[in-house]
C-alpha cells in the first residue's frame, strides 16, 4: 500500500505522488504519516519534510518548508506550505 502525498504552495503544486511515509514538522512535534493514518489536521512549523519513497529504510528525501498546515484524510496527506525549497 502507498500513501498519496501532495505538497502545495500558493504558487504551485510542488509534488503529487505515491510514497511509503512522510514525516511532517508539526507545531506540536514531528509526526509520521503512513497509508491508513487516522484523519488529522495540524499546523506546521518551519522545518524539513522527510519523504520516504519505500519501506526499505532508504534515506529520506528532504524538502525545507515554511509555515502552513497538513491534512490527513481518506485520500492521503496534503501539506499546504507557505513556502517550499
PDB file of N, CA and C in Angstrom:
ATOM      1  N   UNK A   1       0.841  -1.183   0.000  1.00  0.00           N
ATOM      2  CA  UNK A   1       0.000   0.000   0.000  1.00  0.00           C
ATOM      3  C   UNK A   1       0.882   1.242   0.000  1.00  0.00           C
ATOM      4  N   UNK A   2       0.357   2.281  -0.625  1.00  0.00           N
ATOM      5  CA  UNK A   2       1.112   3.527  -0.727  1.00  0.00           C
ATOM      6  C   UNK A   2       0.246   4.688  -0.251  1.00  0.00           C
ATOM      7  N   UNK A   3       0.912   5.687   0.239  1.00  0.00           N
ATOM      8  CA  UNK A   3       0.264   6.912   0.700  1.00  0.00           C
ATOM      9  C   UNK A   3       0.279   7.928  -0.430  1.00  0.00           C
ATOM     10  N   UNK A   4      -0.887   8.505  -0.759  1.00  0.00           N
ATOM     11  CA  UNK A   4      -0.903   9.578  -1.749  1.00  0.00           C
ATOM     12  C   UNK A   4      -0.509  10.873  -1.025  1.00  0.00           C
ATOM     13  N   UNK A   5       0.525  11.547  -1.530  1.00  0.00           N
ATOM     14  CA  UNK A   5       1.088  12.737  -0.896  1.00  0.00           C
ATOM     15  C   UNK A   5       1.093  13.899  -1.873  1.00  0.00           C
ATOM     16  N   UNK A   6       0.628  15.046  -1.396  1.00  0.00           N
ATOM     17  CA  UNK A   6       0.699  16.279  -2.186  1.00  0.00           C
ATOM     18  C   UNK A   6       1.299  17.387  -1.339  1.00  0.00           C
ATOM     19  N   UNK A   7       2.203  18.142  -1.944  1.00  0.00           N
ATOM     20  CA  UNK A   7       2.804  19.326  -1.339  1.00  0.00           C
ATOM     21  C   UNK A   7       2.436  20.503  -2.215  1.00  0.00           C
ATOM     22  N   UNK A   8       1.760  21.486  -1.622  1.00  0.00           N
ATOM     23  CA  UNK A   8       1.239  22.623  -2.371  1.00  0.00           C
ATOM     24  C   UNK A   8       1.689  23.923  -1.709  1.00  0.00           C
ATOM     25  N   UNK A   9       2.087  24.901  -2.527  1.00  0.00           N
ATOM     26  CA  UNK A   9       2.371  26.258  -2.055  1.00  0.00           C
ATOM     27  C   UNK A   9       1.374  27.190  -2.744  1.00  0.00           C
ATOM     28  N   UNK A  10       1.300  28.453  -2.330  1.00  0.00           N
ATOM     29  CA  UNK A  10       0.394  29.377  -3.019  1.00  0.00           C
ATOM     30  C   UNK A  10       0.707  29.522  -4.514  1.00  0.00           C
ATOM     31  N   UNK A  11       1.949  29.285  -4.901  1.00  0.00           N
ATOM     32  CA  UNK A  11       2.350  29.454  -6.295  1.00  0.00           C
ATOM     33  C   UNK A  11       2.083  28.244  -7.177  1.00  0.00           C
ATOM     34  N   UNK A  12       2.217  27.016  -6.575  1.00  0.00           N
ATOM     35  CA  UNK A  12       2.150  25.838  -7.447  1.00  0.00           C
ATOM     36  C   UNK A  12       1.997  24.542  -6.661  1.00  0.00           C
ATOM     37  N   UNK A  13       1.677  23.487  -7.390  1.00  0.00           N
ATOM     38  CA  UNK A  13       1.703  22.129  -6.860  1.00  0.00           C
ATOM     39  C   UNK A  13       3.145  21.654  -6.973  1.00  0.00           C
ATOM     40  N   UNK A  14       3.795  21.427  -5.837  1.00  0.00           N
ATOM     41  CA  UNK A  14       5.210  21.046  -5.818  1.00  0.00           C
ATOM     42  C   UNK A  14       5.363  19.547  -6.048  1.00  0.00           C
ATOM     43  N   UNK A  15       4.534  18.736  -5.403  1.00  0.00           N
ATOM     44  CA  UNK A  15       4.612  17.276  -5.514  1.00  0.00           C
ATOM     45  C   UNK A  15       3.218  16.686  -5.487  1.00  0.00           C
ATOM     46  N   UNK A  16       3.040  15.609  -6.216  1.00  0.00           N
ATOM     47  CA  UNK A  16       1.846  14.777  -6.141  1.00  0.00           C
ATOM     48  C   UNK A  16       2.304  13.379  -6.523  1.00  0.00           C
ATOM     49  N   UNK A  17       2.428  12.496  -5.521  1.00  0.00           N
ATOM     50  CA  UNK A  17       2.986  11.173  -5.784  1.00  0.00           C
ATOM     51  C   UNK A  17       2.578  10.175  -4.715  1.00  0.00           C
ATOM     52  N   UNK A  18       2.841   8.908  -5.018  1.00  0.00           N
ATOM     53  CA  UNK A  18       2.625   7.820  -4.073  1.00  0.00           C
ATOM     54  C   UNK A  18       3.948   7.547  -3.357  1.00  0.00           C
ATOM     55  N   UNK A  19       3.912   7.534  -2.026  1.00  0.00           N
ATOM     56  CA  UNK A  19       5.119   7.314  -1.227  1.00  0.00           C
ATOM     57  C   UNK A  19       4.813   6.314  -0.110  1.00  0.00           C
ATOM     58  N   UNK A  20       5.846   5.892   0.605  1.00  0.00           N
ATOM     59  CA  UNK A  20       5.650   4.988   1.742  1.00  0.00           C
ATOM     60  C   UNK A  20       5.257   5.768   3.001  1.00  0.00           C
ATOM     61  N   UNK A  21       6.036   6.825   3.309  1.00  0.00           N
ATOM     62  CA  UNK A  21       5.796   7.590   4.534  1.00  0.00           C
ATOM     63  C   UNK A  21       6.326   9.007   4.377  1.00  0.00           C
ATOM     64  N   UNK A  22       5.679   9.944   5.092  1.00  0.00           N
ATOM     65  CA  UNK A  22       6.140  11.325   5.146  1.00  0.00           C
ATOM     66  C   UNK A  22       6.203  11.730   6.614  1.00  0.00           C
ATOM     67  N   UNK A  23       7.299  12.375   7.012  1.00  0.00           N
ATOM     68  CA  UNK A  23       7.428  12.921   8.362  1.00  0.00           C
ATOM     69  C   UNK A  23       7.274  14.438   8.248  1.00  0.00           C
ATOM     70  N   UNK A  24       6.287  14.964   8.970  1.00  0.00           N
ATOM     71  CA  UNK A  24       5.894  16.373   8.883  1.00  0.00           C
ATOM     72  C   UNK A  24       6.330  17.111  10.146  1.00  0.00           C
ATOM     73  N   UNK A  25       6.900  18.324  10.004  1.00  0.00           N
ATOM     74  CA  UNK A  25       7.275  19.107  11.189  1.00  0.00           C
ATOM     75  C   UNK A  25       6.065  19.865  11.758  1.00  0.00           C
ATOM     76  N   UNK A  26       5.283  19.194  12.582  1.00  0.00           N
ATOM     77  CA  UNK A  26       4.107  19.821  13.191  1.00  0.00           C
ATOM     78  C   UNK A  26       4.501  20.788  14.290  1.00  0.00           C
ATOM     79  N   UNK A  27       3.614  21.709  14.613  1.00  0.00           N
ATOM     80  CA  UNK A  27       3.931  22.677  15.669  1.00  0.00           C
ATOM     81  C   UNK A  27       4.024  22.006  17.040  1.00  0.00           C
ATOM     82  N   UNK A  28       3.373  20.862  17.216  1.00  0.00           N
ATOM     83  CA  UNK A  28       3.445  20.122  18.478  1.00  0.00           C
ATOM     84  C   UNK A  28       4.513  19.033  18.438  1.00  0.00           C
ATOM     85  N   UNK A  29       5.262  18.968  17.345  1.00  0.00           N
ATOM     86  CA  UNK A  29       6.299  17.953  17.190  1.00  0.00           C
ATOM     87  C   UNK A  29       6.171  17.256  15.848  1.00  0.00           C
ATOM     88  N   UNK A  30       7.232  16.588  15.439  1.00  0.00           N
ATOM     89  CA  UNK A  30       7.217  15.870  14.165  1.00  0.00           C
ATOM     90  C   UNK A  30       6.267  14.680  14.254  1.00  0.00           C
ATOM     91  N   UNK A  31       5.587  14.377  13.140  1.00  0.00           N
ATOM     92  CA  UNK A  31       4.741  13.196  13.098  1.00  0.00           C
ATOM     93  C   UNK A  31       4.860  12.523  11.737  1.00  0.00           C
ATOM     94  N   UNK A  32       4.824  11.197  11.765  1.00  0.00           N
ATOM     95  CA  UNK A  32       4.921  10.399  10.544  1.00  0.00           C
ATOM     96  C   UNK A  32       3.542   9.982  10.071  1.00  0.00           C
ATOM     97  N   UNK A  33       3.369   9.960   8.753  1.00  0.00           N
ATOM     98  CA  UNK A  33       2.085   9.570   8.170  1.00  0.00           C
ATOM     99  C   UNK A  33       2.320   8.404   7.213  1.00  0.00           C
ATOM    100  N   UNK A  34       1.594   7.318   7.439  1.00  0.00           N
ATOM    101  CA  UNK A  34       1.589   6.141   6.569  1.00  0.00           C
ATOM    102  C   UNK A  34       0.186   5.987   5.990  1.00  0.00           C
ATOM    103  N   UNK A  35       0.042   5.143   4.977  1.00  0.00           N
ATOM    104  CA  UNK A  35      -1.273   4.812   4.427  1.00  0.00           C
ATOM    105  C   UNK A  35      -2.173   4.321   5.553  1.00  0.00           C
ATOM    106  N   UNK A  36      -3.424   4.772   5.572  1.00  0.00           N
ATOM    107  CA  UNK A  36      -4.374   4.334   6.587  1.00  0.00           C
ATOM    108  C   UNK A  36      -4.332   5.130   7.880  1.00  0.00           C
ATOM    109  N   UNK A  37      -3.539   6.210   7.921  1.00  0.00           N
ATOM    110  CA  UNK A  37      -3.448   7.060   9.120  1.00  0.00           C
ATOM    111  C   UNK A  37      -4.825   7.634   9.448  1.00  0.00           C
ATOM    112  N   UNK A  38      -5.102   7.809  10.713  1.00  0.00           N
ATOM    113  CA  UNK A  38      -6.356   8.421  11.144  1.00  0.00           C
ATOM    114  C   UNK A  38      -6.436   9.857  10.631  1.00  0.00           C
ATOM    115  N   UNK A  39      -7.645  10.350  10.340  1.00  0.00           N
ATOM    116  CA  UNK A  39      -7.795  11.738   9.891  1.00  0.00           C
ATOM    117  C   UNK A  39      -7.196  12.712  10.913  1.00  0.00           C
ATOM    118  N   UNK A  40      -6.551  13.746  10.398  1.00  0.00           N
ATOM    119  CA  UNK A  40      -5.820  14.682  11.256  1.00  0.00           C
ATOM    120  C   UNK A  40      -5.623  15.997  10.527  1.00  0.00           C
ATOM    121  N   UNK A  41      -5.664  17.088  11.276  1.00  0.00           N
ATOM    122  CA  UNK A  41      -5.249  18.388  10.759  1.00  0.00           C
ATOM    123  C   UNK A  41      -4.264  18.968  11.758  1.00  0.00           C
ATOM    124  N   UNK A  42      -3.194  19.574  11.245  1.00  0.00           N
ATOM    125  CA  UNK A  42      -2.167  20.137  12.119  1.00  0.00           C
ATOM    126  C   UNK A  42      -1.540  21.346  11.450  1.00  0.00           C
ATOM    127  N   UNK A  43      -1.217  22.340  12.261  1.00  0.00           N
ATOM    128  CA  UNK A  43      -0.391  23.420  11.743  1.00  0.00           C
ATOM    129  C   UNK A  43       1.040  22.904  11.690  1.00  0.00           C
ATOM    130  N   UNK A  44       1.838  23.506  10.812  1.00  0.00           N
ATOM    131  CA  UNK A  44       3.227  23.066  10.694  1.00  0.00           C
ATOM    132  C   UNK A  44       4.156  24.237  10.961  1.00  0.00           C
ATOM    133  N   UNK A  45       5.337  23.893  11.470  1.00  0.00           N
ATOM    134  CA  UNK A  45       6.353  24.903  11.738  1.00  0.00           C
ATOM    135  C   UNK A  45       7.394  24.852  10.620  1.00  0.00           C
ATOM    136  N   UNK A  46       8.237  25.845  10.561  1.00  0.00           N
ATOM    137  CA  UNK A  46       9.345  25.816   9.615  1.00  0.00           C
ATOM    138  C   UNK A  46      10.218  24.616   9.942  1.00  0.00           C
ATOM    139  N   UNK A  47      10.570  23.850   8.923  1.00  0.00           N
ATOM    140  CA  UNK A  47      11.395  22.667   9.162  1.00  0.00           C
ATOM    141  C   UNK A  47      11.524  21.823   7.919  1.00  0.00           C
ATOM    142  N   UNK A  48      12.006  20.607   8.105  1.00  0.00           N
ATOM    143  CA  UNK A  48      12.231  19.691   6.991  1.00  0.00           C
ATOM    144  C   UNK A  48      11.125  18.654   6.900  1.00  0.00           C
ATOM    145  N   UNK A  49      10.574  18.538   5.723  1.00  0.00           N
ATOM    146  CA  UNK A  49       9.622  17.494   5.401  1.00  0.00           C
ATOM    147  C   UNK A  49      10.442  16.322   4.882  1.00  0.00           C
ATOM    148  N   UNK A  50      10.271  15.138   5.467  1.00  0.00           N
ATOM    149  CA  UNK A  50      11.052  13.971   5.062  1.00  0.00           C
ATOM    150  C   UNK A  50      10.144  13.008   4.313  1.00  0.00           C
ATOM    151  N   UNK A  51      10.541  12.656   3.091  1.00  0.00           N
ATOM    152  CA  UNK A  51       9.735  11.792   2.235  1.00  0.00           C
ATOM    153  C   UNK A  51      10.467  10.473   2.030  1.00  0.00           C
ATOM    154  N   UNK A  52       9.831   9.390   2.453  1.00  0.00           N
ATOM    155  CA  UNK A  52      10.372   8.042   2.283  1.00  0.00           C
ATOM    156  C   UNK A  52       9.605   7.368   1.156  1.00  0.00           C
ATOM    157  N   UNK A  53      10.287   7.093   0.054  1.00  0.00           N
ATOM    158  CA  UNK A  53       9.635   6.506  -1.122  1.00  0.00           C
ATOM    159  C   UNK A  53       9.278   5.040  -0.927  1.00  0.00           C
ATOM    160  N   UNK A  54      10.132   4.286  -0.188  1.00  0.00           N
ATOM    161  CA  UNK A  54       9.894   2.856   0.016  1.00  0.00           C
ATOM    162  C   UNK A  54      10.056   2.504   1.490  1.00  0.00           C
ATOM    163  N   UNK A  55       9.616   1.300   1.829  1.00  0.00           N
ATOM    164  CA  UNK A  55       9.683   0.841   3.218  1.00  0.00           C
ATOM    165  C   UNK A  55      11.051   0.280   3.586  1.00  0.00           C
ATOM    166  N   UNK A  56      11.958   0.170   2.634  1.00  0.00           N
ATOM    167  CA  UNK A  56      13.234  -0.479   2.858  1.00  0.00           C
ATOM    168  C   UNK A  56      14.227   0.269   3.711  1.00  0.00           C
ATOM    169  N   UNK A  57      13.842   1.360   4.341  1.00  0.00           N
ATOM    170  CA  UNK A  57      14.765   2.090   5.184  1.00  0.00           C
ATOM    171  C   UNK A  57      15.747   2.960   4.415  1.00  0.00           C
ATOM    172  N   UNK A  58      15.446   3.218   3.155  1.00  0.00           N
ATOM    173  CA  UNK A  58      16.311   4.094   2.357  1.00  0.00           C
ATOM    174  C   UNK A  58      16.321   5.499   2.926  1.00  0.00           C
ATOM    175  N   UNK A  59      17.334   6.263   2.590  1.00  0.00           N
ATOM    176  CA  UNK A  59      17.427   7.643   3.059  1.00  0.00           C
ATOM    177  C   UNK A  59      16.238   8.451   2.564  1.00  0.00           C
ATOM    178  N   UNK A  60      15.796   9.360   3.394  1.00  0.00           N
ATOM    179  CA  UNK A  60      14.657  10.203   3.052  1.00  0.00           C
ATOM    180  C   UNK A  60      15.088  11.343   2.150  1.00  0.00           C
ATOM    181  N   UNK A  61      14.176  11.757   1.288  1.00  0.00           N
ATOM    182  CA  UNK A  61      14.358  12.996   0.532  1.00  0.00           C
ATOM    183  C   UNK A  61      13.838  14.108   1.434  1.00  0.00           C
ATOM    184  N   UNK A  62      14.563  15.196   1.542  1.00  0.00           N
ATOM    185  CA  UNK A  62      14.199  16.282   2.438  1.00  0.00           C
ATOM    186  C   UNK A  62      13.846  17.532   1.646  1.00  0.00           C
ATOM    187  N   UNK A  63      12.721  18.139   2.021  1.00  0.00           N
ATOM    188  CA  UNK A  63      12.311  19.407   1.427  1.00  0.00           C
ATOM    189  C   UNK A  63      12.076  20.380   2.567  1.00  0.00           C
ATOM    190  N   UNK A  64      12.702  21.533   2.507  1.00  0.00           N
ATOM    191  CA  UNK A  64      12.546  22.574   3.524  1.00  0.00           C
ATOM    192  C   UNK A  64      11.219  23.284   3.287  1.00  0.00           C
ATOM    193  N   UNK A  65      10.384  23.369   4.320  1.00  0.00           N
ATOM    194  CA  UNK A  65       9.108  24.068   4.193  1.00  0.00           C
ATOM    195  C   UNK A  65       8.989  25.129   5.277  1.00  0.00           C
ATOM    196  N   UNK A  66       8.129  26.097   5.011  1.00  0.00           N
ATOM    197  CA  UNK A  66       7.883  27.174   5.970  1.00  0.00           C
ATOM    198  C   UNK A  66       6.388  27.355   6.150  1.00  0.00           C
ATOM    199  N   UNK A  67       5.944  27.262   7.395  1.00  0.00           N
ATOM    200  CA  UNK A  67       4.565  27.538   7.761  1.00  0.00           C
ATOM    201  C   UNK A  67       3.515  26.753   7.002  1.00  0.00           C
ATOM    202  N   UNK A  68       2.258  26.901   7.422  1.00  0.00           N
ATOM    203  CA  UNK A  68       1.152  26.271   6.737  1.00  0.00           C
ATOM    204  C   UNK A  68       0.458  25.234   7.599  1.00  0.00           C
ATOM    205  N   UNK A  69      -0.185  24.258   6.929  1.00  0.00           N
ATOM    206  CA  UNK A  69      -0.821  23.184   7.675  1.00  0.00           C
ATOM    207  C   UNK A  69      -0.854  21.900   6.863  1.00  0.00           C
ATOM    208  N   UNK A  70      -1.123  20.810   7.570  1.00  0.00           N
ATOM    209  CA  UNK A  70      -1.180  19.486   6.956  1.00  0.00           C
ATOM    210  C   UNK A  70      -2.543  18.873   7.246  1.00  0.00           C
ATOM    211  N   UNK A  71      -3.054  18.145   6.262  1.00  0.00           N
ATOM    212  CA  UNK A  71      -4.317  17.438   6.445  1.00  0.00           C
ATOM    213  C   UNK A  71      -4.158  15.992   5.992  1.00  0.00           C
ATOM    214  N   UNK A  72      -4.565  15.075   6.851  1.00  0.00           N
ATOM    215  CA  UNK A  72      -4.609  13.659   6.507  1.00  0.00           C
ATOM    216  C   UNK A  72      -6.082  13.279   6.448  1.00  0.00           C
ATOM    217  N   UNK A  73      -6.492  12.666   5.325  1.00  0.00           N
ATOM    218  CA  UNK A  73      -7.861  12.174   5.195  1.00  0.00           C
ATOM    219  C   UNK A  73      -7.839  10.862   4.427  1.00  0.00           C
ATOM    220  N   UNK A  74      -8.998  10.378   4.030  1.00  0.00           N
ATOM    221  CA  UNK A  74      -9.060   9.083   3.342  1.00  0.00           C
ATOM    222  C   UNK A  74      -8.340   9.085   2.005  1.00  0.00           C
ATOM    223  N   UNK A  75      -8.081  10.244   1.417  1.00  0.00           N
ATOM    224  CA  UNK A  75      -7.376  10.337   0.139  1.00  0.00           C
ATOM    225  C   UNK A  75      -5.860  10.382   0.310  1.00  0.00           C
ATOM    226  N   UNK A  76      -5.362  10.676   1.525  1.00  0.00           N
ATOM    227  CA  UNK A  76      -3.925  10.733   1.758  1.00  0.00           C
ATOM    228  C   UNK A  76      -3.527  11.955   2.568  1.00  0.00           C
ATOM    229  N   UNK A  77      -2.316  12.444   2.318  1.00  0.00           N
ATOM    230  CA  UNK A  77      -1.735  13.581   3.039  1.00  0.00           C
ATOM    231  C   UNK A  77      -1.557  14.750   2.101  1.00  0.00           C
ATOM    232  N   UNK A  78      -2.076  15.902   2.507  1.00  0.00           N
ATOM    233  CA  UNK A  78      -1.845  17.145   1.772  1.00  0.00           C
ATOM    234  C   UNK A  78      -1.165  18.126   2.719  1.00  0.00           C
ATOM    235  N   UNK A  79      -0.019  18.663   2.270  1.00  0.00           N
ATOM    236  CA  UNK A  79       0.691  19.691   3.029  1.00  0.00           C
ATOM    237  C   UNK A  79       0.562  20.984   2.248  1.00  0.00           C
ATOM    238  N   UNK A  80      -0.049  21.982   2.879  1.00  0.00           N
ATOM    239  CA  UNK A  80      -0.188  23.307   2.297  1.00  0.00           C
ATOM    240  C   UNK A  80       0.823  24.208   2.998  1.00  0.00           C
ATOM    241  N   UNK A  81       1.928  24.458   2.339  1.00  0.00           N
ATOM    242  CA  UNK A  81       3.017  25.211   2.947  1.00  0.00           C
ATOM    243  C   UNK A  81       3.075  26.621   2.361  1.00  0.00           C
ATOM    244  N   UNK A  82       3.461  27.572   3.191  1.00  0.00           N
ATOM    245  CA  UNK A  82       3.637  28.933   2.700  1.00  0.00           C
ATOM    246  C   UNK A  82       4.780  29.004   1.692  1.00  0.00           C
ATOM    247  N   UNK A  83       5.773  28.133   1.922  1.00  0.00           N
ATOM    248  CA  UNK A  83       6.951  28.106   1.052  1.00  0.00           C
ATOM    249  C   UNK A  83       7.608  26.743   1.094  1.00  0.00           C
ATOM    250  N   UNK A  84       8.150  26.305  -0.032  1.00  0.00           N
ATOM    251  CA  UNK A  84       8.884  25.036  -0.098  1.00  0.00           C
ATOM    252  C   UNK A  84      10.110  25.229  -0.987  1.00  0.00           C
ATOM    253  N   UNK A  85      11.248  24.706  -0.530  1.00  0.00           N
ATOM    254  CA  UNK A  85      12.505  24.849  -1.294  1.00  0.00           C
ATOM    255  C   UNK A  85      13.004  23.493  -1.744  1.00  0.00           C
TER     256      UNK A  85
END
